[in-house]
C-alpha atoms as a PDB file:
ATOM      1  CA  MET A   1       0.000   0.000   0.000  1.00  0.00           C
ATOM      2  CA  LEU A   2       1.376   3.375  -0.955  1.00  0.00           C
ATOM      3  CA  VAL A   3       0.246   5.248   2.135  1.00  0.00           C
ATOM      4  CA  GLU A   4       1.673   8.768   1.898  1.00  0.00           C
ATOM      5  CA  ALA A   5       3.627   7.677  -1.176  1.00  0.00           C
ATOM      6  CA  LEU A   6       2.583  10.643  -3.272  1.00  0.00           C
ATOM      7  CA  ALA A   7       3.597  13.046  -0.526  1.00  0.00           C
ATOM      8  CA  GLN A   8       6.968  11.299  -0.280  1.00  0.00           C
ATOM      9  CA  VAL A   9       7.503  11.420  -4.033  1.00  0.00           C
ATOM     10  CA  ALA A  10       6.594  15.091  -4.151  1.00  0.00           C
ATOM     11  CA  ALA A  11       9.099  15.827  -1.410  1.00  0.00           C
ATOM     12  CA  GLN A  12      11.838  13.745  -2.991  1.00  0.00           C
ATOM     13  CA  LEU A  13      11.561  14.896  -6.596  1.00  0.00           C
ATOM     14  CA  ASP A  14      12.585  18.315  -7.855  1.00  0.00           C
ATOM     15  CA  TYR A  15      10.634  18.893 -11.053  1.00  0.00           C
ATOM     16  CA  ALA A  16      13.186  21.468 -12.194  1.00  0.00           C
ATOM     17  CA  GLY A  17      15.349  18.417 -12.821  1.00  0.00           C
ATOM     18  CA  LYS A  18      18.050  19.023 -10.207  1.00  0.00           C
ATOM     19  CA  GLN A  19      17.332  16.409  -7.546  1.00  0.00           C
ATOM     20  CA  ASP A  20      17.692  12.660  -8.004  1.00  0.00           C
ATOM     21  CA  LEU A  21      15.345   9.967  -6.855  1.00  0.00           C
ATOM     22  CA  GLN A  22      16.154   9.104  -3.263  1.00  0.00           C
ATOM     23  CA  GLU A  23      18.161   5.933  -2.842  1.00  0.00           C
ATOM     24  CA  GLU A  24      15.572   4.405  -0.510  1.00  0.00           C
ATOM     25  CA  TYR A  25      13.588   3.358  -3.576  1.00  0.00           C
ATOM     26  CA  THR A  26      16.518   1.469  -5.048  1.00  0.00           C
ATOM     27  CA  ARG A  27      17.223  -0.109  -1.669  1.00  0.00           C
ATOM     28  CA  TRP A  28      14.007  -2.119  -2.013  1.00  0.00           C
ATOM     29  CA  LEU A  29      15.352  -3.473  -5.298  1.00  0.00           C
ATOM     30  CA  GLY A  30      18.736  -4.351  -3.826  1.00  0.00           C
ATOM     31  CA  LEU A  31      20.412  -1.657  -5.949  1.00  0.00           C
ATOM     32  CA  GLU A  32      21.435   0.779  -3.225  1.00  0.00           C
ATOM     33  CA  GLY A  33      24.816   2.340  -3.991  1.00  0.00           C
ATOM     34  CA  ARG A  34      24.944   0.785  -7.481  1.00  0.00           C
ATOM     35  CA  GLN A  35      26.653   3.039 -10.024  1.00  0.00           C
ATOM     36  CA  LEU A  36      25.902   2.972 -13.734  1.00  0.00           C
ATOM     37  CA  GLU A  37      28.262   4.115 -16.470  1.00  0.00           C
ATOM     38  CA  VAL A  38      26.480   6.483 -18.857  1.00  0.00           C
ATOM     39  CA  GLU A  39      27.897   7.767 -22.130  1.00  0.00           C
ATOM     40  CA  LEU A  40      27.284  11.477 -22.724  1.00  0.00           C
ATOM     41  CA  PRO A  41      26.635  13.062 -26.163  1.00  0.00           C
ATOM     42  CA  ASP A  42      30.253  14.242 -26.357  1.00  0.00           C
ATOM     43  CA  GLY A  43      31.505  10.691 -25.902  1.00  0.00           C
ATOM     44  CA  SER A  44      32.675  11.124 -22.324  1.00  0.00           C
ATOM     45  CA  LYS A  45      31.600   8.801 -19.505  1.00  0.00           C
ATOM     46  CA  GLN A  46      29.677   9.648 -16.371  1.00  0.00           C
ATOM     47  CA  TYR A  47      28.759   7.502 -13.377  1.00  0.00           C
ATOM     48  CA  LEU A  48      25.263   7.888 -11.937  1.00  0.00           C
ATOM     49  CA  SER A  49      23.323   6.235  -9.161  1.00  0.00           C
ATOM     50  CA  VAL A  50      20.430   4.085 -10.318  1.00  0.00           C
ATOM     51  CA  GLY A  51      18.075   6.734  -8.915  1.00  0.00           C
ATOM     52  CA  GLY A  52      19.853   9.506 -10.827  1.00  0.00           C
ATOM     53  CA  TRP A  53      19.829   7.490 -14.033  1.00  0.00           C
ATOM     54  CA  LEU A  54      16.088   6.800 -13.749  1.00  0.00           C
ATOM     55  CA  PHE A  55      15.369  10.422 -12.936  1.00  0.00           C
ATOM     56  CA  ASN A  56      17.236  11.620 -16.038  1.00  0.00           C
ATOM     57  CA  LEU A  57      15.371   9.136 -18.243  1.00  0.00           C
ATOM     58  CA  TRP A  58      12.082  10.291 -16.768  1.00  0.00           C
ATOM     59  CA  GLN A  59      12.900  13.956 -17.325  1.00  0.00           C
ATOM     60  CA  ALA A  60      13.804  13.171 -20.937  1.00  0.00           C
ATOM     61  CA  GLY A  61      10.487  11.423 -21.544  1.00  0.00           C
ATOM     62  CA  ARG A  62      12.122   8.005 -21.908  1.00  0.00           C
ATOM     63  CA  ALA A  63      10.660   6.525 -18.709  1.00  0.00           C
ATOM     64  CA  LEU A  64       7.160   6.540 -17.283  1.00  0.00           C
ATOM     65  CA  LEU A  65       6.547   7.273 -13.611  1.00  0.00           C
ATOM     66  CA  ILE A  66       3.653   5.144 -12.354  1.00  0.00           C
ATOM     67  CA  LEU A  67       2.007   6.154  -9.080  1.00  0.00           C
ATOM     68  CA  ASP A  68      -0.473   3.504  -8.004  1.00  0.00           C
ATOM     69  CA  GLY A  69      -3.226   4.160  -5.478  1.00  0.00           C
ATOM     70  CA  ALA A  70      -3.454   7.933  -5.094  1.00  0.00           C
ATOM     71  CA  ASP A  71      -6.609   7.453  -3.038  1.00  0.00           C
ATOM     72  CA  GLU A  72      -4.641   5.441  -0.483  1.00  0.00           C
ATOM     73  CA  GLU A  73      -3.268   8.687   0.919  1.00  0.00           C
ATOM     74  CA  PHE A  74      -6.247   9.379   3.152  1.00  0.00           C
ATOM     75  CA  ASP A  75      -5.159  12.840   4.297  1.00  0.00           C
ATOM     76  CA  LYS A  76      -6.981  14.981   1.714  1.00  0.00           C
ATOM     77  CA  ALA A  77      -4.795  18.071   2.190  1.00  0.00           C
ATOM     78  CA  LYS A  78      -1.584  16.063   1.879  1.00  0.00           C
ATOM     79  CA  ARG A  79      -2.902  14.205  -1.171  1.00  0.00           C
ATOM     80  CA  GLU A  80      -3.952  17.406  -2.933  1.00  0.00           C
ATOM     81  CA  LYS A  81      -0.571  19.015  -2.248  1.00  0.00           C
ATOM     82  CA  ALA A  82       1.276  16.013  -3.662  1.00  0.00           C
ATOM     83  CA  LEU A  83      -0.932  15.796  -6.752  1.00  0.00           C
ATOM     84  CA  ALA A  84      -0.557  19.509  -7.414  1.00  0.00           C
ATOM     85  CA  SER A  85       3.234  19.115  -7.537  1.00  0.00           C
ATOM     86  CA  LEU A  86       3.127  16.540 -10.339  1.00  0.00           C
ATOM     87  CA  PRO A  87       3.748  17.673 -13.917  1.00  0.00           C
ATOM     88  CA  ALA A  88       0.436  17.767 -15.787  1.00  0.00           C
ATOM     89  CA  THR A  89       0.177  15.702 -18.955  1.00  0.00           C
ATOM     90  CA  GLN A  90      -2.667  17.461 -20.738  1.00  0.00           C
ATOM     91  CA  GLN A  91      -0.273  18.605 -23.453  1.00  0.00           C
ATOM     92  CA  ARG A  92       1.332  15.537 -24.972  1.00  0.00           C
ATOM     93  CA  ALA A  93       4.571  17.374 -25.781  1.00  0.00           C
ATOM     94  CA  ILE A  94       5.271  17.982 -22.103  1.00  0.00           C
ATOM     95  CA  ASN A  95       7.814  15.768 -20.363  1.00  0.00           C
ATOM     96  CA  PRO A  96       8.115  14.017 -17.990  1.00  0.00           C
ATOM     97  CA  ARG A  97       5.195  11.610 -18.159  1.00  0.00           C
ATOM     98  CA  VAL A  98       3.177  10.334 -15.190  1.00  0.00           C
ATOM     99  CA  LEU A  99       0.573   7.565 -15.017  1.00  0.00           C
ATOM    100  CA  LEU A 100      -1.648   7.943 -11.972  1.00  0.00           C
ATOM    101  CA  THR A 101      -4.031   5.189 -10.851  1.00  0.00           C
ATOM    102  CA  SER A 102      -6.728   5.696  -8.268  1.00  0.00           C
ATOM    103  CA  ARG A 103     -10.286   5.070  -7.251  1.00  0.00           C
ATOM    104  CA  PRO A 104     -12.468   8.096  -7.978  1.00  0.00           C
ATOM    105  CA  LEU A 105     -11.192  11.274  -6.327  1.00  0.00           C
ATOM    106  CA  GLY A 106     -12.973  14.552  -5.785  1.00  0.00           C
ATOM    107  CA  ASP A 107     -13.393  16.953  -8.671  1.00  0.00           C
ATOM    108  CA  GLY A 108     -10.387  19.174  -9.225  1.00  0.00           C
ATOM    109  CA  GLU A 109      -7.827  16.922  -7.517  1.00  0.00           C
ATOM    110  CA  VAL A 110      -6.163  15.728 -10.729  1.00  0.00           C
ATOM    111  CA  LEU A 111      -6.326  18.760 -12.986  1.00  0.00           C
ATOM    112  CA  GLY A 112      -4.237  18.469 -16.134  1.00  0.00           C
ATOM    113  CA  PHE A 113      -4.417  14.674 -16.369  1.00  0.00           C
ATOM    114  CA  GLU A 114      -6.229  12.875 -19.141  1.00  0.00           C
ATOM    115  CA  LYS A 115      -8.837  10.604 -17.584  1.00  0.00           C
ATOM    116  CA  LEU A 116      -9.553   6.976 -18.395  1.00  0.00           C
ATOM    117  CA  GLU A 117     -12.135   5.005 -16.399  1.00  0.00           C
ATOM    118  CA  LEU A 118     -12.528   1.224 -16.230  1.00  0.00           C
ATOM    119  CA  ASN A 119     -16.000  -0.146 -16.840  1.00  0.00           C
ATOM    120  CA  GLU A 120     -17.431  -2.411 -14.174  1.00  0.00           C
ATOM    121  CA  PHE A 121     -17.546  -6.138 -14.909  1.00  0.00           C
ATOM    122  CA  GLU A 122     -20.776  -7.915 -15.707  1.00  0.00           C
ATOM    123  CA  GLN A 123     -21.459 -11.113 -13.758  1.00  0.00           C
ATOM    124  CA  ARG A 124     -20.365 -13.255 -16.717  1.00  0.00           C
ATOM    125  CA  GLN A 125     -17.016 -11.434 -16.861  1.00  0.00           C
ATOM    126  CA  ILE A 126     -16.536 -11.794 -13.101  1.00  0.00           C
ATOM    127  CA  GLU A 127     -17.070 -15.529 -13.216  1.00  0.00           C
ATOM    128  CA  ASP A 128     -14.871 -15.958 -16.287  1.00  0.00           C
ATOM    129  CA  LEU A 129     -11.942 -14.169 -14.636  1.00  0.00           C
ATOM    130  CA  VAL A 130     -12.387 -16.062 -11.366  1.00  0.00           C
ATOM    131  CA  ARG A 131     -12.319 -19.394 -13.207  1.00  0.00           C
ATOM    132  CA  ARG A 132      -9.192 -18.355 -15.124  1.00  0.00           C
ATOM    133  CA  CYS A 133      -7.465 -17.285 -11.904  1.00  0.00           C
ATOM    134  CA  GLY A 134      -8.531 -20.517 -10.246  1.00  0.00           C
ATOM    135  CA  LYS A 135      -7.001 -22.535 -13.097  1.00  0.00           C
ATOM    136  CA  VAL A 136      -3.714 -20.617 -12.890  1.00  0.00           C
ATOM    137  CA  LEU A 137      -3.547 -21.110  -9.115  1.00  0.00           C
ATOM    138  CA  GLY A 138      -4.672 -24.729  -9.240  1.00  0.00           C
ATOM    139  CA  GLU A 139      -7.695 -23.772  -7.135  1.00  0.00           C
ATOM    140  CA  GLN A 140     -10.579 -24.557  -9.485  1.00  0.00           C
ATOM    141  CA  GLY A 141     -12.663 -25.867  -6.598  1.00  0.00           C
ATOM    142  CA  LYS A 142     -12.361 -22.628  -4.655  1.00  0.00           C
ATOM    143  CA  ALA A 143     -13.134 -20.667  -7.799  1.00  0.00           C
ATOM    144  CA  GLU A 144     -16.442 -22.485  -8.193  1.00  0.00           C
ATOM    145  CA  GLN A 145     -17.231 -22.035  -4.502  1.00  0.00           C
ATOM    146  CA  PHE A 146     -16.432 -18.309  -4.775  1.00  0.00           C
ATOM    147  CA  ILE A 147     -18.826 -18.006  -7.712  1.00  0.00           C
ATOM    148  CA  LYS A 148     -21.521 -19.967  -5.863  1.00  0.00           C
ATOM    149  CA  GLU A 149     -21.315 -17.710  -2.824  1.00  0.00           C
ATOM    150  CA  THR A 150     -21.420 -14.481  -4.832  1.00  0.00           C
ATOM    151  CA  ARG A 151     -24.645 -15.702  -6.484  1.00  0.00           C
ATOM    152  CA  GLN A 152     -26.421 -16.001  -3.154  1.00  0.00           C
ATOM    153  CA  ALA A 153     -28.948 -13.263  -2.457  1.00  0.00           C
ATOM    154  CA  GLU A 154     -27.395 -12.331   0.901  1.00  0.00           C
ATOM    155  CA  LYS A 155     -24.017 -11.921  -0.797  1.00  0.00           C
ATOM    156  CA  MET A 156     -25.144  -9.456  -3.474  1.00  0.00           C
ATOM    157  CA  ARG A 157     -22.863  -6.788  -1.989  1.00  0.00           C
ATOM    158  CA  ALA A 158     -19.937  -9.099  -2.724  1.00  0.00           C
ATOM    159  CA  LEU A 159     -21.014  -9.311  -6.365  1.00  0.00           C
ATOM    160  CA  GLN A 160     -21.219  -5.523  -6.566  1.00  0.00           C
ATOM    161  CA  LEU A 161     -17.727  -5.244  -5.088  1.00  0.00           C
ATOM    162  CA  ALA A 162     -16.376  -7.862  -7.489  1.00  0.00           C
ATOM    163  CA  ALA A 163     -17.668  -5.840 -10.434  1.00  0.00           C
ATOM    164  CA  ARG A 164     -14.770  -3.451  -9.925  1.00  0.00           C
ATOM    165  CA  PRO A 165     -11.774  -4.989 -11.767  1.00  0.00           C
ATOM    166  CA  GLY A 166      -9.184  -3.816  -9.260  1.00  0.00           C
ATOM    167  CA  HIS A 167     -11.073  -5.397  -6.379  1.00  0.00           C
ATOM    168  CA  LEU A 168     -11.963  -8.750  -7.900  1.00  0.00           C
ATOM    169  CA  VAL A 169      -8.431 -10.146  -7.985  1.00  0.00           C
ATOM    170  CA  HIS A 170      -7.846  -9.090  -4.360  1.00  0.00           C
ATOM    171  CA  MET A 171     -11.177 -10.625  -3.350  1.00  0.00           C
ATOM    172  CA  PHE A 172     -10.408 -13.966  -4.951  1.00  0.00           C
ATOM    173  CA  ALA A 173      -6.822 -14.057  -3.662  1.00  0.00           C
ATOM    174  CA  THR A 174      -8.078 -13.424  -0.124  1.00  0.00           C
ATOM    175  CA  TYR A 175     -10.759 -16.071  -0.564  1.00  0.00           C
ATOM    176  CA  VAL A 176      -8.166 -18.629  -1.665  1.00  0.00           C
ATOM    177  CA  GLN A 177      -5.700 -17.759   1.104  1.00  0.00           C
ATOM    178  CA  ASP A 178      -8.045 -17.088   4.018  1.00  0.00           C
ATOM    179  CA  GLY A 179     -11.433 -18.467   3.013  1.00  0.00           C
ATOM    180  CA  VAL A 180     -13.055 -15.049   3.510  1.00  0.00           C
ATOM    181  CA  LEU A 181     -15.479 -13.461   1.038  1.00  0.00           C
ATOM    182  CA  PHE A 182     -15.507  -9.716   1.581  1.00  0.00           C
ATOM    183  CA  THR A 183     -18.671  -7.731   0.890  1.00  0.00           C
ATOM    184  CA  ALA A 184     -17.486  -4.280   2.018  1.00  0.00           C
ATOM    185  CA  GLU A 185     -14.783  -2.253   0.269  1.00  0.00           C
ATOM    186  CA  GLU A 186     -13.440  -0.917   3.586  1.00  0.00           C
ATOM    187  CA  ASP A 187     -12.827  -4.426   4.942  1.00  0.00           C
ATOM    188  CA  LEU A 188     -11.204  -5.618   1.712  1.00  0.00           C
ATOM    189  CA  MET A 189      -8.836  -2.652   1.483  1.00  0.00           C
ATOM    190  CA  LYS A 190      -7.884  -3.010   5.137  1.00  0.00           C
ATOM    191  CA  ARG A 191      -6.858  -6.629   4.505  1.00  0.00           C
ATOM    192  CA  VAL A 192      -4.934  -5.643   1.359  1.00  0.00           C
ATOM    193  CA  ALA A 193      -3.129  -2.890   3.275  1.00  0.00           C
ATOM    194  CA  GLU A 194      -2.171  -5.289   6.070  1.00  0.00           C
ATOM    195  CA  LYS A 195      -0.701  -7.760   3.599  1.00  0.00           C
ATOM    196  CA  ARG A 196       1.228  -5.074   1.703  1.00  0.00           C
ATOM    197  CA  PHE A 197       2.565  -3.653   4.941  1.00  0.00           C
ATOM    198  CA  ALA A 198       3.773  -7.087   6.013  1.00  0.00           C
ATOM    199  CA  VAL A 199       5.570  -7.545   2.670  1.00  0.00           C
ATOM    200  CA  THR A 200       7.196  -4.099   2.888  1.00  0.00           C
ATOM    201  CA  VAL A 201       8.408  -4.697   6.443  1.00  0.00           C
ATOM    202  CA  GLY A 202       9.754  -8.088   5.402  1.00  0.00           C
ATOM    203  CA  ARG A 203      11.766  -6.534   2.561  1.00  0.00           C
ATOM    204  CA  MET A 204      13.176  -3.851   4.827  1.00  0.00           C
ATOM    205  CA  LEU A 205      14.241  -6.434   7.395  1.00  0.00           C
ATOM    206  CA  TYR A 206      15.802  -8.586   4.674  1.00  0.00           C
ATOM    207  CA  HIS A 207      17.885  -5.718   3.279  1.00  0.00           C
ATOM    208  CA  SER A 208      18.902  -4.675   6.804  1.00  0.00           C
ATOM    209  CA  LEU A 209      20.162  -8.184   7.527  1.00  0.00           C
ATOM    210  CA  MET A 210      22.010  -8.346   4.195  1.00  0.00           C
ATOM    211  CA  ARG A 211      24.062  -5.239   4.910  1.00  0.00           C
END
């Protein structure tokens, strides 16, 4: 979960192009302190950190910055401040480029961004994707049970939640792992956040031990 991630990115990036990505991002990838040799237009060589190299590519329009889950910063003032600091992409000639994903935000929070909305799934599409996921995971039985439960009248809220593409995969994964069928978005996102937090902490501990 990218809680406060946008605020962190806004604080760590200088959109005038003078400040590199902070090395804490590359630490998660095991690339902290890694230097890359870059050839300049005049033929000379320059060594850059991975963060600096990525930042330069992004500024030049050769890399795409993807910020997933803008709505997961729940402090509205902090979220608006972070979003306002991002370079707008309304004019296609403008670099750098940013792809922002989010559940619906309030009007005016993402000015300058072109908007693309995902259509909700129909029941047939929900069941088709669940069966495909079940086949990939070797959990066809749980896939059929998931479908059976979502068809029950008292579980109609679960079907409505599953109609949102970003939620369906999380719902089925949780059902397979924990045997729980969520019917409320708040409960589902809380479980997703807990799992992401556990993974993040595990990575940080791993890299601390490897130093």
